[in-house]
Amino acid sequence: MAYKVGRCLLQERLLQADMTQRELALRLDVTIQQVNKYVLDKQKMSIQVAKNIAVILNCHIEDLYEWIEAGDE
């Protein structure tokens, strides 16, 4: 079974963690504009960024995106 990346769930994870985009940007040492690009799905996170965000938000990398079954590939 193969999967493809769906929409970004970062905004939902931020709400669950009671954290703002600005707070996350400060913790990641990136601009708020960069975090906003992830939230708005204008840019995908690298695996390194996703891991760092997952640690900060106390979730799994898989929780940061919707995963869509793409069938057997």
C-alpha atoms as a PDB file:
ATOM      1  CA  MET A   1       0.000   0.000   0.000  1.00  0.00           C
ATOM      2  CA  ALA A   2       1.336   3.414  -0.936  1.00  0.00           C
ATOM      3  CA  TYR A   3       0.362   6.807   0.409  1.00  0.00           C
ATOM      4  CA  LYS A   4       0.661  10.366  -0.796  1.00  0.00           C
ATOM      5  CA  VAL A   5       0.821  13.500   1.293  1.00  0.00           C
ATOM      6  CA  GLY A   6      -2.447  15.383   1.619  1.00  0.00           C
ATOM      7  CA  ARG A   7      -3.139  18.713   3.246  1.00  0.00           C
ATOM      8  CA  CYS A   8      -1.044  20.083   6.064  1.00  0.00           C
ATOM      9  CA  LEU A   9      -2.545  19.676   9.550  1.00  0.00           C
ATOM     10  CA  LEU A  10      -0.106  22.011  11.299  1.00  0.00           C
ATOM     11  CA  GLN A  11      -2.738  24.608  12.206  1.00  0.00           C
ATOM     12  CA  GLU A  12      -4.826  21.940  13.940  1.00  0.00           C
ATOM     13  CA  ARG A  13      -1.768  20.663  15.830  1.00  0.00           C
ATOM     14  CA  LEU A  14      -0.896  24.219  16.910  1.00  0.00           C
ATOM     15  CA  LEU A  15      -4.429  24.710  18.252  1.00  0.00           C
ATOM     16  CA  GLN A  16      -4.212  21.427  20.172  1.00  0.00           C
ATOM     17  CA  ALA A  17      -0.897  22.524  21.668  1.00  0.00           C
ATOM     18  CA  ASP A  18      -2.253  26.015  22.434  1.00  0.00           C
ATOM     19  CA  MET A  19       0.650  27.506  20.491  1.00  0.00           C
ATOM     20  CA  THR A  20       0.722  30.320  17.940  1.00  0.00           C
ATOM     21  CA  GLN A  21       2.550  30.333  14.637  1.00  0.00           C
ATOM     22  CA  ARG A  22       4.802  33.039  16.079  1.00  0.00           C
ATOM     23  CA  GLU A  23       5.713  30.868  19.083  1.00  0.00           C
ATOM     24  CA  LEU A  24       6.508  27.934  16.823  1.00  0.00           C
ATOM     25  CA  ALA A  25       8.623  30.155  14.563  1.00  0.00           C
ATOM     26  CA  LEU A  26      10.625  31.344  17.568  1.00  0.00           C
ATOM     27  CA  ARG A  27      11.183  27.766  18.777  1.00  0.00           C
ATOM     28  CA  LEU A  28      12.285  26.686  15.279  1.00  0.00           C
ATOM     29  CA  ASP A  29      14.382  29.822  14.739  1.00  0.00           C
ATOM     30  CA  VAL A  30      12.583  30.599  11.458  1.00  0.00           C
ATOM     31  CA  THR A  31      10.359  33.456  10.362  1.00  0.00           C
ATOM     32  CA  ILE A  32       6.636  33.470  11.022  1.00  0.00           C
ATOM     33  CA  GLN A  33       6.243  33.753   7.245  1.00  0.00           C
ATOM     34  CA  GLN A  34       7.963  30.382   6.869  1.00  0.00           C
ATOM     35  CA  VAL A  35       5.647  28.721   9.381  1.00  0.00           C
ATOM     36  CA  ASN A  36       2.694  30.359   7.618  1.00  0.00           C
ATOM     37  CA  LYS A  37       3.805  28.798   4.310  1.00  0.00           C
ATOM     38  CA  TYR A  38       3.593  25.383   5.952  1.00  0.00           C
ATOM     39  CA  VAL A  39       0.196  26.120   7.514  1.00  0.00           C
ATOM     40  CA  LEU A  40      -1.248  27.388   4.212  1.00  0.00           C
ATOM     41  CA  ASP A  41       0.259  24.402   2.344  1.00  0.00           C
ATOM     42  CA  LYS A  42       2.287  26.701   0.112  1.00  0.00           C
ATOM     43  CA  GLN A  43       5.431  24.753   0.992  1.00  0.00           C
ATOM     44  CA  LYS A  44       5.976  21.224   2.294  1.00  0.00           C
ATOM     45  CA  MET A  45       8.165  20.735   5.348  1.00  0.00           C
ATOM     46  CA  SER A  46      11.467  18.944   4.972  1.00  0.00           C
ATOM     47  CA  ILE A  47      11.775  15.765   7.022  1.00  0.00           C
ATOM     48  CA  GLN A  48      14.130  17.614   9.379  1.00  0.00           C
ATOM     49  CA  VAL A  49      11.688  20.468   9.935  1.00  0.00           C
ATOM     50  CA  ALA A  50       8.785  18.040  10.362  1.00  0.00           C
ATOM     51  CA  LYS A  51      10.729  16.090  13.003  1.00  0.00           C
ATOM     52  CA  ASN A  52      11.590  19.275  14.906  1.00  0.00           C
ATOM     53  CA  ILE A  53       7.981  20.473  14.788  1.00  0.00           C
ATOM     54  CA  ALA A  54       6.733  17.061  15.914  1.00  0.00           C
ATOM     55  CA  VAL A  55       9.066  17.155  18.923  1.00  0.00           C
ATOM     56  CA  ILE A  56       7.999  20.710  19.816  1.00  0.00           C
ATOM     57  CA  LEU A  57       4.289  19.853  19.485  1.00  0.00           C
ATOM     58  CA  ASN A  58       4.683  16.438  21.130  1.00  0.00           C
ATOM     59  CA  CYS A  59       3.192  14.536  18.207  1.00  0.00           C
ATOM     60  CA  HIS A  60       4.350  12.202  15.438  1.00  0.00           C
ATOM     61  CA  ILE A  61       5.594  13.393  12.064  1.00  0.00           C
ATOM     62  CA  GLU A  62       2.667  11.535  10.510  1.00  0.00           C
ATOM     63  CA  ASP A  63       0.295  13.791  12.483  1.00  0.00           C
ATOM     64  CA  LEU A  64       1.460  16.878  10.602  1.00  0.00           C
ATOM     65  CA  TYR A  65      -0.131  15.895   7.282  1.00  0.00           C
ATOM     66  CA  GLU A  66      -3.192  14.127   6.022  1.00  0.00           C
ATOM     67  CA  TRP A  67      -2.216  10.826   4.373  1.00  0.00           C
ATOM     68  CA  ILE A  68      -4.136   9.589   1.325  1.00  0.00           C
ATOM     69  CA  GLU A  69      -4.060   6.000   0.119  1.00  0.00           C
ATOM     70  CA  ALA A  70      -2.622   5.946  -3.378  1.00  0.00           C
ATOM     71  CA  GLY A  71      -3.075   2.219  -3.947  1.00  0.00           C
ATOM     72  CA  ASP A  72      -0.423  -0.361  -4.713  1.00  0.00           C
ATOM     73  CA  GLU A  73       2.579   1.180  -6.399  1.00  0.00           C
END
